[in-house]
Amino acid sequence: MSRCVLGLPGAVGPVRRVVDLEIVIPAYNEAARLPHTLREAVAYLDERPWRTRIVVVDNGSVDETAEVVRGVETGGVDLAVIGCSRAGKGAAVRRGLLVGTAAFVGFVDADLSTPLDTLTEVMSRLRWGAPAVVASRHAPGARFVRAQPLGRRLGGAVFRALARPLVVGVRDTQCGFKFFQRDVVHAALRRCRVTGFAFDVELLRQVQAAGRQVVEIPVAWTDDAHSTFHPVRDGVASFVSLLRLYRPGVA
């Protein structure tokens, strides 16, 4: 049975119920990939002891992204699709997180490069009081099932070096699998300004600025060969976005 929920701006379906965890998936022209991603997520989440809602944020797609989401059979997992007219993954994630009402909220990439079963440890840490729990490809014990191309690995190494002074003690700010206590992330988002590729860095920086800990857990990560990230175009934009966080007055 498909259960799309009301109560989120732009969502469709019957009654929105209380859940323990809300998972945001930002999506731009993901009609081809999302059905498989959502079916895999539902199969995993339906067997978990916590109640979950998946919130797909359609970031101005020109394909059938919203329509395919509404057609997915979700079993006992709630599913909502909302819109975000402001361009950028950071803007989409921000919108999805801010409409969350569950005790725990977070976001994952549509390609599921980080295994979904990582959520078991994430939820355990959050329930024990961790303010923020993020997946890491560079923490001790992490490994690459399929590595990124050389160019992206080199660019990633430089990006991490520049991000390190901004988010102290976090080895990997860019892995798209991050979860939070709702009050912690909502407070941090109110102080965030970046919506581009450095969104994750600023978000974690604001969590730390409030005196809250960011916990990294190592994962077995698989590069998506069909990633839409362009090493030159997006790579330059990511560094420009990151360097803005070094400007005076950007906390």
Protein backbone atom coordinates (compact mmCIF):
# COMPACT_ATOMS: atom_id res chain seq x y z
CA MET A 1 0.00 0.00 0.00
CA SER A 2 1.32 3.48 -0.88
CA ARG A 3 1.10 6.08 1.88
CA CYS A 4 1.81 9.65 0.81
CA VAL A 5 1.25 12.13 3.59
CA LEU A 6 -0.30 15.51 4.18
CA GLY A 7 1.01 18.11 6.62
CA LEU A 8 4.14 18.92 4.63
CA PRO A 9 3.85 21.84 2.21
CA GLY A 10 3.28 20.35 -1.21
CA ALA A 11 2.74 16.77 -0.01
CA VAL A 12 -0.21 14.67 -1.13
CA GLY A 13 -2.27 11.89 0.41
CA PRO A 14 -4.07 11.07 3.69
CA VAL A 15 -3.11 11.80 7.28
CA ARG A 16 0.35 12.75 8.47
CA ARG A 17 1.25 10.68 11.52
CA VAL A 18 3.93 11.01 14.18
CA VAL A 19 7.19 9.26 13.26
CA ASP A 20 10.55 8.77 14.98
CA LEU A 21 12.78 9.54 12.00
CA GLU A 22 12.47 11.70 8.89
CA ILE A 23 14.83 11.15 5.96
CA VAL A 24 15.22 13.91 3.40
CA ILE A 25 16.26 13.00 -0.15
CA PRO A 26 17.08 16.02 -2.35
CA ALA A 27 16.21 15.30 -5.97
CA TYR A 28 16.82 17.08 -9.25
CA ASN A 29 15.69 15.20 -12.37
CA GLU A 30 15.84 11.85 -10.54
CA ALA A 31 12.82 10.17 -12.18
CA ALA A 32 14.96 7.32 -13.51
CA ARG A 33 16.80 6.54 -10.28
CA LEU A 34 14.32 7.37 -7.51
CA PRO A 35 11.90 4.41 -7.85
CA HIS A 36 14.71 1.91 -7.21
CA THR A 37 16.15 4.05 -4.40
CA LEU A 38 12.78 4.37 -2.69
CA ARG A 39 11.91 0.68 -3.04
CA GLU A 40 15.28 -0.25 -1.51
CA ALA A 41 14.80 2.26 1.30
CA VAL A 42 11.27 1.07 2.05
CA ALA A 43 12.35 -2.59 2.12
CA TYR A 44 14.97 -1.76 4.75
CA LEU A 45 12.95 0.73 6.80
CA ASP A 46 9.81 -1.43 6.90
CA GLU A 47 11.73 -3.95 9.01
CA ARG A 48 13.13 -1.45 11.50
CA PRO A 49 11.64 -0.90 14.99
CA TRP A 50 11.29 2.84 14.45
CA ARG A 51 8.64 4.67 12.43
CA THR A 52 9.97 6.57 9.43
CA ARG A 53 8.91 9.18 6.91
CA ILE A 54 10.86 9.76 3.69
CA VAL A 55 10.64 13.33 2.37
CA VAL A 56 11.70 13.78 -1.25
CA VAL A 57 12.46 17.42 -2.05
CA ASP A 58 11.97 18.08 -5.75
CA ASN A 59 14.51 20.81 -6.50
CA GLY A 60 12.92 22.25 -9.65
CA SER A 61 13.05 19.06 -11.73
CA VAL A 62 11.87 19.21 -15.34
CA ASP A 63 11.29 15.46 -15.57
CA GLU A 64 8.71 13.27 -13.79
CA THR A 65 10.47 13.18 -10.40
CA ALA A 66 7.41 14.13 -8.32
CA GLU A 67 5.11 11.79 -10.24
CA VAL A 68 7.30 8.70 -9.83
CA VAL A 69 7.59 9.34 -6.08
CA ARG A 70 3.82 9.38 -5.72
CA GLY A 71 3.60 6.04 -7.51
CA VAL A 72 5.96 4.10 -5.19
CA GLU A 73 4.46 1.43 -2.92
CA THR A 74 5.69 2.25 0.58
CA GLY A 75 4.24 -0.35 2.93
CA GLY A 76 4.46 0.94 6.50
CA VAL A 77 6.81 3.80 5.62
CA ASP A 78 5.34 7.28 5.12
CA LEU A 79 6.37 9.11 1.96
CA ALA A 80 6.03 12.78 1.05
CA VAL A 81 7.20 14.84 -1.91
CA ILE A 82 7.59 18.60 -1.58
CA GLY A 83 8.99 21.29 -3.84
CA CYS A 84 11.90 23.69 -3.52
CA SER A 85 12.11 26.47 -6.08
CA ARG A 86 15.51 27.74 -4.91
CA ALA A 87 18.31 26.03 -6.84
CA GLY A 88 21.01 24.00 -5.10
CA LYS A 89 21.22 20.81 -3.09
CA GLY A 90 21.82 22.82 0.07
CA ALA A 91 18.58 24.74 -0.41
CA ALA A 92 16.65 21.50 -0.99
CA VAL A 93 18.13 19.80 2.06
CA ARG A 94 17.51 22.87 4.20
CA ARG A 95 13.84 22.97 3.19
CA GLY A 96 13.37 19.28 3.90
CA LEU A 97 15.04 19.45 7.31
CA LEU A 98 13.15 22.54 8.43
CA VAL A 99 9.73 21.02 7.80
CA GLY A 100 10.68 17.96 9.85
CA THR A 101 8.82 17.29 13.09
CA ALA A 102 10.35 13.94 14.11
CA ALA A 103 12.80 13.69 17.00
CA PHE A 104 15.54 12.71 14.53
CA VAL A 105 15.98 14.15 11.04
CA GLY A 106 18.63 13.84 8.37
CA PHE A 107 19.39 13.48 4.71
CA VAL A 108 20.81 10.96 2.26
CA ASP A 109 21.84 11.16 -1.38
CA ALA A 110 19.50 9.71 -4.00
CA ASP A 111 22.21 7.31 -5.21
CA LEU A 112 22.46 5.53 -1.81
CA SER A 113 26.25 5.41 -2.05
CA THR A 114 26.25 4.98 1.73
CA PRO A 115 24.58 1.69 2.75
CA LEU A 116 21.16 2.13 4.32
CA ASP A 117 22.01 -0.24 7.16
CA THR A 118 24.28 2.54 8.45
CA LEU A 119 21.05 3.90 9.94
CA THR A 120 21.08 1.20 12.61
CA GLU A 121 24.18 2.65 14.24
CA VAL A 122 23.06 6.20 13.50
CA MET A 123 19.78 5.70 15.37
CA SER A 124 21.58 4.01 18.26
CA ARG A 125 23.93 6.99 18.63
CA LEU A 126 21.12 9.54 18.35
CA ARG A 127 19.01 7.73 20.94
CA TRP A 128 21.97 7.79 23.31
CA GLY A 129 22.10 11.56 22.92
CA ALA A 130 24.54 12.29 20.11
CA PRO A 131 23.59 15.70 18.63
CA ALA A 132 24.79 14.90 15.10
CA VAL A 133 25.91 11.64 13.49
CA VAL A 134 27.50 11.66 10.03
CA ALA A 135 28.84 8.95 7.75
CA SER A 136 32.51 9.19 6.88
CA ARG A 137 34.56 7.75 4.04
CA HIS A 138 37.80 8.75 5.75
CA ALA A 139 37.33 7.82 9.40
CA PRO A 140 39.36 4.82 10.65
CA GLY A 141 37.63 1.63 9.50
CA ALA A 142 35.97 3.18 6.44
CA ARG A 143 36.55 1.74 2.99
CA PHE A 144 35.69 2.35 -0.63
CA VAL A 145 33.78 -0.46 -2.33
CA ARG A 146 34.22 1.44 -5.58
CA ALA A 147 36.44 4.50 -5.51
CA GLN A 148 35.90 7.80 -7.28
CA PRO A 149 37.90 8.68 -10.41
CA LEU A 150 41.37 10.09 -9.76
CA GLY A 151 40.40 13.68 -10.54
CA ARG A 152 37.59 13.68 -7.99
CA ARG A 153 39.80 12.01 -5.39
CA LEU A 154 42.44 14.73 -5.79
CA GLY A 155 39.85 17.49 -5.68
CA GLY A 156 38.27 15.89 -2.64
CA ALA A 157 41.60 15.80 -0.81
CA VAL A 158 42.12 19.54 -1.36
CA PHE A 159 38.53 20.29 -0.31
CA ARG A 160 38.98 18.30 2.91
CA ALA A 161 42.19 20.17 3.70
CA LEU A 162 40.39 23.50 3.31
CA ALA A 163 37.36 22.34 5.31
CA ARG A 164 39.40 20.93 8.20
CA PRO A 165 39.97 24.27 10.02
CA LEU A 166 36.25 25.08 9.70
CA VAL A 167 34.89 21.81 11.09
CA VAL A 168 37.40 20.61 13.65
CA GLY A 169 37.90 16.88 14.06
CA VAL A 170 35.60 15.86 11.20
CA ARG A 171 37.46 14.02 8.46
CA ASP A 172 34.68 13.94 5.87
CA THR A 173 32.18 16.79 5.62
CA GLN A 174 30.84 15.83 2.20
CA CYS A 175 29.50 12.30 2.59
CA GLY A 176 25.79 12.66 1.87
CA PHE A 177 24.47 10.83 4.93
CA LYS A 178 23.94 13.07 7.95
CA PHE A 179 21.45 12.85 10.85
CA PHE A 180 20.66 15.07 13.79
CA GLN A 181 18.55 15.73 16.84
CA ARG A 182 15.82 17.93 15.36
CA ASP A 183 16.34 20.87 17.74
CA VAL A 184 20.10 20.83 17.09
CA VAL A 185 19.85 21.00 13.30
CA HIS A 186 17.00 23.52 13.30
CA ALA A 187 19.06 25.88 15.47
CA ALA A 188 22.09 25.44 13.20
CA LEU A 189 20.08 26.00 10.02
CA ARG A 190 18.81 29.34 11.29
CA ARG A 191 22.42 30.57 11.18
CA CYS A 192 23.36 29.01 7.82
CA ARG A 193 23.62 31.14 4.67
CA VAL A 194 25.27 28.89 2.08
CA THR A 195 23.06 26.84 -0.25
CA GLY A 196 25.72 25.48 -2.62
CA PHE A 197 28.35 22.77 -2.34
CA ALA A 198 29.70 24.04 0.99
CA PHE A 199 26.29 23.69 2.66
CA ASP A 200 27.40 20.59 4.60
CA VAL A 201 30.52 22.36 5.87
CA GLU A 202 28.60 25.37 7.15
CA LEU A 203 25.91 23.20 8.72
CA LEU A 204 28.41 21.10 10.68
CA ARG A 205 30.36 24.23 11.56
CA GLN A 206 27.25 25.79 13.08
CA VAL A 207 26.50 22.61 15.04
CA GLN A 208 30.00 22.78 16.54
CA ALA A 209 29.74 26.55 17.11
CA ALA A 210 26.78 25.83 19.39
CA GLY A 211 28.99 23.53 21.45
CA ARG A 212 27.46 20.32 20.11
CA GLN A 213 29.46 17.26 19.06
CA VAL A 214 29.54 15.82 15.55
CA VAL A 215 30.05 12.04 15.65
CA GLU A 216 31.60 10.35 12.58
CA ILE A 217 31.00 6.70 11.82
CA PRO A 218 33.02 4.83 9.16
CA VAL A 219 31.14 3.38 6.20
CA ALA A 220 31.73 1.16 3.16
CA TRP A 221 31.04 3.69 0.41
CA THR A 222 30.37 3.01 -3.27
CA ASP A 223 30.93 5.67 -5.92
CA ASP A 224 28.02 6.15 -8.30
CA ALA A 225 29.37 5.86 -11.83
CA HIS A 226 26.37 7.87 -13.07
CA SER A 227 26.96 10.82 -10.75
CA THR A 228 25.93 14.17 -12.25
CA PHE A 229 28.82 15.96 -10.49
CA HIS A 230 31.03 17.62 -13.11
CA PRO A 231 34.68 17.79 -11.94
CA VAL A 232 35.41 21.16 -13.59
CA ARG A 233 32.11 23.05 -13.46
CA ASP A 234 30.95 21.75 -10.09
CA GLY A 235 34.46 21.45 -8.71
CA VAL A 236 35.15 25.16 -9.19
CA ALA A 237 31.75 26.06 -7.72
CA SER A 238 32.40 23.88 -4.67
CA PHE A 239 35.72 25.59 -3.89
CA VAL A 240 34.25 29.06 -4.40
CA SER A 241 31.40 28.15 -2.04
CA LEU A 242 33.82 26.79 0.56
CA LEU A 243 36.17 29.78 0.44
CA ARG A 244 33.26 32.11 1.18
CA LEU A 245 33.09 30.57 4.64
CA TYR A 246 36.52 32.06 5.36
CA ARG A 247 35.21 35.60 4.83
CA PRO A 248 34.97 37.76 7.98
CA GLY A 249 31.46 37.84 9.35
CA VAL A 250 30.53 34.39 8.04
CA ALA A 251 30.25 32.41 11.30
